Amino acid sequence: MYPRPDDAPLRASTTLLDYILSALPPGEFHRIGGNTGLPAAAVKSRALDLVIAATPVMAPIFDEAALRYARINASDVVLVRHGFQPETLSPVRIDVVLSLASVPILLPDLSFYRHASGRLHLAAAQDDLFVSLGHHSLGVTSLTPWLDASERSGGFERAAAEIVRACRRR
């Protein structure tokens, strides 16, 4: 049986959730229920105070809901916007909301960067801020995870190729 076209976004969202979860410490993530305003494909870890959501909608329409959720629940929120053909026809963009004290901060339009060592980062196009995914959930730094332009483009290409392969496997 062939998958229905309306199943494709859900599969891509689930694949990208798994892609991020594989870079984080093992833990229990549960689906978020209720009327949060976040996409249907959203999971939360209470231990990490982290929410990860994915949507095929490329417009940043969920940013206000992510900011509100971060403020009310004191959680960081990672929102992946991937389109219908992630990294093939549509770029994958990540909006991160960091819950700092009482004011959440939005870091929009980040891209996946896979370092040669295997670590996964989220990088801004302007090279001014980087979010690493690792042992302690999210880490924010201004130090670049690459040494030169060739290493930079190689990391973006590695991440894009991994995403394309993962989506095709599903």
C-alpha atoms as a PDB file:
ATOM      1  CA  MET A   1       0.000   0.000   0.000  1.00  0.00           C
ATOM      2  CA  TYR A   2       1.310   3.456  -0.886  1.00  0.00           C
ATOM      3  CA  PRO A   3       1.269   6.185   1.745  1.00  0.00           C
ATOM      4  CA  ARG A   4      -1.359   8.857   1.336  1.00  0.00           C
ATOM      5  CA  PRO A   5       0.015  12.342   0.517  1.00  0.00           C
ATOM      6  CA  ASP A   6      -1.344  13.740   3.797  1.00  0.00           C
ATOM      7  CA  ASP A   7       0.808  11.204   5.722  1.00  0.00           C
ATOM      8  CA  ALA A   8       4.058  12.664   4.342  1.00  0.00           C
ATOM      9  CA  PRO A   9       4.269  15.732   6.628  1.00  0.00           C
ATOM     10  CA  LEU A  10       3.687  13.620   9.719  1.00  0.00           C
ATOM     11  CA  ARG A  11       6.444  11.189   8.716  1.00  0.00           C
ATOM     12  CA  ALA A  12       8.871  14.025   7.984  1.00  0.00           C
ATOM     13  CA  SER A  13       8.014  15.701  11.301  1.00  0.00           C
ATOM     14  CA  THR A  14       8.553  12.455  13.196  1.00  0.00           C
ATOM     15  CA  THR A  15      11.845  11.865  11.384  1.00  0.00           C
ATOM     16  CA  LEU A  16      13.115  15.327  12.313  1.00  0.00           C
ATOM     17  CA  LEU A  17      12.013  14.902  15.927  1.00  0.00           C
ATOM     18  CA  ASP A  18      14.017  11.661  16.017  1.00  0.00           C
ATOM     19  CA  TYR A  19      16.987  13.447  14.411  1.00  0.00           C
ATOM     20  CA  ILE A  20      17.104  15.972  17.243  1.00  0.00           C
ATOM     21  CA  LEU A  21      16.360  13.424  19.976  1.00  0.00           C
ATOM     22  CA  SER A  22      19.319  11.307  18.860  1.00  0.00           C
ATOM     23  CA  ALA A  23      21.637  14.229  19.708  1.00  0.00           C
ATOM     24  CA  LEU A  24      20.231  14.712  23.214  1.00  0.00           C
ATOM     25  CA  PRO A  25      20.810  12.656  26.350  1.00  0.00           C
ATOM     26  CA  PRO A  26      18.471   9.684  26.647  1.00  0.00           C
ATOM     27  CA  GLY A  27      15.330  10.489  28.544  1.00  0.00           C
ATOM     28  CA  GLU A  28      11.602  10.329  28.506  1.00  0.00           C
ATOM     29  CA  PHE A  29       9.836  12.525  26.018  1.00  0.00           C
ATOM     30  CA  HIS A  30       6.047  12.643  26.049  1.00  0.00           C
ATOM     31  CA  ARG A  31       3.633  14.052  23.495  1.00  0.00           C
ATOM     32  CA  ILE A  32       2.189  17.394  24.457  1.00  0.00           C
ATOM     33  CA  GLY A  33      -1.571  17.423  24.640  1.00  0.00           C
ATOM     34  CA  GLY A  34      -4.074  20.192  25.021  1.00  0.00           C
ATOM     35  CA  ASN A  35      -4.393  23.523  23.323  1.00  0.00           C
ATOM     36  CA  THR A  36      -0.822  24.849  23.389  1.00  0.00           C
ATOM     37  CA  GLY A  37      -0.828  26.452  19.953  1.00  0.00           C
ATOM     38  CA  LEU A  38       2.228  24.346  19.044  1.00  0.00           C
ATOM     39  CA  PRO A  39       2.210  21.885  16.122  1.00  0.00           C
ATOM     40  CA  ALA A  40       0.678  18.454  16.669  1.00  0.00           C
ATOM     41  CA  ALA A  41       4.121  16.816  16.411  1.00  0.00           C
ATOM     42  CA  ALA A  42       5.458  18.150  19.731  1.00  0.00           C
ATOM     43  CA  VAL A  43       7.164  16.317  22.590  1.00  0.00           C
ATOM     44  CA  LYS A  44       8.414  17.449  25.989  1.00  0.00           C
ATOM     45  CA  SER A  45      11.048  16.306  28.443  1.00  0.00           C
ATOM     46  CA  ARG A  46      10.422  17.421  31.998  1.00  0.00           C
ATOM     47  CA  ALA A  47      13.953  16.443  33.013  1.00  0.00           C
ATOM     48  CA  LEU A  48      15.505  18.701  30.357  1.00  0.00           C
ATOM     49  CA  ASP A  49      12.827  21.432  30.470  1.00  0.00           C
ATOM     50  CA  LEU A  50      12.721  21.149  26.705  1.00  0.00           C
ATOM     51  CA  VAL A  51       9.967  20.991  24.084  1.00  0.00           C
ATOM     52  CA  ILE A  52      10.682  19.884  20.530  1.00  0.00           C
ATOM     53  CA  ALA A  53       8.076  20.418  17.818  1.00  0.00           C
ATOM     54  CA  ALA A  54       8.089  19.952  14.049  1.00  0.00           C
ATOM     55  CA  THR A  55       5.787  21.191  11.318  1.00  0.00           C
ATOM     56  CA  PRO A  56       5.715  21.176   7.516  1.00  0.00           C
ATOM     57  CA  VAL A  57       4.506  24.797   7.619  1.00  0.00           C
ATOM     58  CA  MET A  58       7.449  26.967   6.556  1.00  0.00           C
ATOM     59  CA  ALA A  59       5.985  30.306   7.691  1.00  0.00           C
ATOM     60  CA  PRO A  60       6.937  31.161  11.285  1.00  0.00           C
ATOM     61  CA  ILE A  61       3.314  31.047  12.483  1.00  0.00           C
ATOM     62  CA  PHE A  62       4.092  29.035  15.630  1.00  0.00           C
ATOM     63  CA  ASP A  63       6.675  31.452  17.082  1.00  0.00           C
ATOM     64  CA  GLU A  64       4.161  33.335  19.242  1.00  0.00           C
ATOM     65  CA  ALA A  65       2.842  30.059  20.662  1.00  0.00           C
ATOM     66  CA  ALA A  66       6.416  28.896  21.350  1.00  0.00           C
ATOM     67  CA  LEU A  67       7.231  32.173  23.147  1.00  0.00           C
ATOM     68  CA  ARG A  68       4.043  31.909  25.199  1.00  0.00           C
ATOM     69  CA  TYR A  69       4.703  28.252  26.062  1.00  0.00           C
ATOM     70  CA  ALA A  70       8.297  29.023  27.124  1.00  0.00           C
ATOM     71  CA  ARG A  71       7.146  31.916  29.321  1.00  0.00           C
ATOM     72  CA  ILE A  72       4.331  29.992  31.030  1.00  0.00           C
ATOM     73  CA  ASN A  73       6.156  26.661  31.468  1.00  0.00           C
ATOM     74  CA  ALA A  74       9.775  27.841  31.877  1.00  0.00           C
ATOM     75  CA  SER A  75      10.878  25.490  29.099  1.00  0.00           C
ATOM     76  CA  ASP A  76      13.128  25.922  26.093  1.00  0.00           C
ATOM     77  CA  VAL A  77      11.330  25.264  22.800  1.00  0.00           C
ATOM     78  CA  VAL A  78      12.866  23.970  19.563  1.00  0.00           C
ATOM     79  CA  LEU A  79      10.529  24.405  16.593  1.00  0.00           C
ATOM     80  CA  VAL A  80      11.545  22.732  13.321  1.00  0.00           C
ATOM     81  CA  ARG A  81       9.960  24.037  10.092  1.00  0.00           C
ATOM     82  CA  HIS A  82      10.669  21.574   7.296  1.00  0.00           C
ATOM     83  CA  GLY A  83       8.231  21.801   4.377  1.00  0.00           C
ATOM     84  CA  PHE A  84       7.027  18.740   2.488  1.00  0.00           C
ATOM     85  CA  GLN A  85      10.418  17.589   1.135  1.00  0.00           C
ATOM     86  CA  PRO A  86      12.977  18.413   3.882  1.00  0.00           C
ATOM     87  CA  GLU A  87      16.329  19.552   2.453  1.00  0.00           C
ATOM     88  CA  THR A  88      15.301  18.344  -1.022  1.00  0.00           C
ATOM     89  CA  LEU A  89      12.754  20.970  -2.062  1.00  0.00           C
ATOM     90  CA  SER A  90      12.411  22.860   1.226  1.00  0.00           C
ATOM     91  CA  PRO A  91      15.165  24.039   3.541  1.00  0.00           C
ATOM     92  CA  VAL A  92      14.857  22.978   7.160  1.00  0.00           C
ATOM     93  CA  ARG A  93      14.758  25.964   9.516  1.00  0.00           C
ATOM     94  CA  ILE A  94      14.745  25.862  13.294  1.00  0.00           C
ATOM     95  CA  ASP A  95      13.393  28.504  15.641  1.00  0.00           C
ATOM     96  CA  VAL A  96      14.654  28.206  19.214  1.00  0.00           C
ATOM     97  CA  VAL A  97      13.036  29.902  22.187  1.00  0.00           C
ATOM     98  CA  LEU A  98      15.302  30.064  25.219  1.00  0.00           C
ATOM     99  CA  SER A  99      13.590  30.457  28.558  1.00  0.00           C
ATOM    100  CA  LEU A 100      15.726  32.952  30.453  1.00  0.00           C
ATOM    101  CA  ALA A 101      14.402  34.079  33.838  1.00  0.00           C
ATOM    102  CA  SER A 102      11.064  35.670  32.984  1.00  0.00           C
ATOM    103  CA  VAL A 103      11.756  36.728  29.400  1.00  0.00           C
ATOM    104  CA  PRO A 104      11.972  34.116  26.631  1.00  0.00           C
ATOM    105  CA  ILE A 105      14.279  34.935  23.721  1.00  0.00           C
ATOM    106  CA  LEU A 106      13.570  33.831  20.147  1.00  0.00           C
ATOM    107  CA  LEU A 107      16.450  32.761  17.889  1.00  0.00           C
ATOM    108  CA  PRO A 108      14.828  32.398  14.430  1.00  0.00           C
ATOM    109  CA  ASP A 109      15.878  30.684  11.218  1.00  0.00           C
ATOM    110  CA  LEU A 110      18.722  28.502  12.465  1.00  0.00           C
ATOM    111  CA  SER A 111      20.080  25.613  10.382  1.00  0.00           C
ATOM    112  CA  PHE A 112      21.377  22.182  11.334  1.00  0.00           C
ATOM    113  CA  TYR A 113      25.169  21.849  11.372  1.00  0.00           C
ATOM    114  CA  ARG A 114      26.787  18.426  11.898  1.00  0.00           C
ATOM    115  CA  HIS A 115      30.391  18.734  13.074  1.00  0.00           C
ATOM    116  CA  ALA A 116      32.935  16.179  11.827  1.00  0.00           C
ATOM    117  CA  SER A 117      33.113  14.876  15.426  1.00  0.00           C
ATOM    118  CA  GLY A 118      29.406  14.017  15.226  1.00  0.00           C
ATOM    119  CA  ARG A 119      28.048  16.806  17.440  1.00  0.00           C
ATOM    120  CA  LEU A 120      24.891  18.519  16.257  1.00  0.00           C
ATOM    121  CA  HIS A 121      24.597  22.308  16.338  1.00  0.00           C
ATOM    122  CA  LEU A 122      22.073  24.906  15.249  1.00  0.00           C
ATOM    123  CA  ALA A 123      23.717  27.833  13.502  1.00  0.00           C
ATOM    124  CA  ALA A 124      22.496  31.247  12.451  1.00  0.00           C
ATOM    125  CA  ALA A 125      23.250  32.544   8.957  1.00  0.00           C
ATOM    126  CA  GLN A 126      25.026  35.572  10.448  1.00  0.00           C
ATOM    127  CA  ASP A 127      27.532  33.422  12.414  1.00  0.00           C
ATOM    128  CA  ASP A 128      26.820  35.298  15.623  1.00  0.00           C
ATOM    129  CA  LEU A 129      25.166  32.665  17.821  1.00  0.00           C
ATOM    130  CA  PHE A 130      25.267  28.886  17.985  1.00  0.00           C
ATOM    131  CA  VAL A 131      23.171  26.365  19.859  1.00  0.00           C
ATOM    132  CA  SER A 132      24.647  22.950  20.537  1.00  0.00           C
ATOM    133  CA  LEU A 133      22.552  19.904  21.279  1.00  0.00           C
ATOM    134  CA  GLY A 134      24.235  17.569  23.698  1.00  0.00           C
ATOM    135  CA  HIS A 135      24.719  16.220  27.190  1.00  0.00           C
ATOM    136  CA  HIS A 136      22.912  19.011  29.025  1.00  0.00           C
ATOM    137  CA  SER A 137      20.119  19.728  26.558  1.00  0.00           C
ATOM    138  CA  LEU A 138      20.773  23.064  24.777  1.00  0.00           C
ATOM    139  CA  GLY A 139      23.993  25.044  25.054  1.00  0.00           C
ATOM    140  CA  VAL A 140      24.346  28.540  23.611  1.00  0.00           C
ATOM    141  CA  THR A 141      27.680  30.040  22.608  1.00  0.00           C
ATOM    142  CA  SER A 142      29.154  32.671  20.336  1.00  0.00           C
ATOM    143  CA  LEU A 143      32.156  30.471  19.440  1.00  0.00           C
ATOM    144  CA  THR A 144      31.904  28.960  15.976  1.00  0.00           C
ATOM    145  CA  PRO A 145      31.958  25.157  15.824  1.00  0.00           C
ATOM    146  CA  TRP A 146      34.057  25.356  12.614  1.00  0.00           C
ATOM    147  CA  LEU A 147      37.491  26.706  11.766  1.00  0.00           C
ATOM    148  CA  ASP A 148      37.044  27.898   8.187  1.00  0.00           C
ATOM    149  CA  ALA A 149      34.501  28.323   5.387  1.00  0.00           C
ATOM    150  CA  SER A 150      35.126  24.862   3.978  1.00  0.00           C
ATOM    151  CA  GLU A 151      34.476  23.173   7.328  1.00  0.00           C
ATOM    152  CA  ARG A 152      31.368  25.364   7.730  1.00  0.00           C
ATOM    153  CA  SER A 153      29.841  24.318   4.403  1.00  0.00           C
ATOM    154  CA  GLY A 154      30.830  20.684   5.014  1.00  0.00           C
ATOM    155  CA  GLY A 155      28.899  20.635   8.301  1.00  0.00           C
ATOM    156  CA  PHE A 156      25.770  22.091   6.724  1.00  0.00           C
ATOM    157  CA  GLU A 157      26.032  19.584   3.878  1.00  0.00           C
ATOM    158  CA  ARG A 158      26.490  16.649   6.292  1.00  0.00           C
ATOM    159  CA  ALA A 159      23.373  17.607   8.231  1.00  0.00           C
ATOM    160  CA  ALA A 160      21.309  18.110   5.058  1.00  0.00           C
ATOM    161  CA  ALA A 161      22.424  14.745   3.635  1.00  0.00           C
ATOM    162  CA  GLU A 162      21.567  12.976   6.913  1.00  0.00           C
ATOM    163  CA  ILE A 163      18.098  14.520   6.912  1.00  0.00           C
ATOM    164  CA  VAL A 164      17.440  13.540   3.280  1.00  0.00           C
ATOM    165  CA  ARG A 165      18.558   9.936   3.950  1.00  0.00           C
ATOM    166  CA  ALA A 166      16.491   9.693   7.141  1.00  0.00           C
ATOM    167  CA  CYS A 167      13.354  10.996   5.407  1.00  0.00           C
ATOM    168  CA  ARG A 168      13.798   8.606   2.497  1.00  0.00           C
ATOM    169  CA  ARG A 169      14.176   5.616   4.849  1.00  0.00           C
ATOM    170  CA  ARG A 170      10.785   6.377   6.382  1.00  0.00           C
END
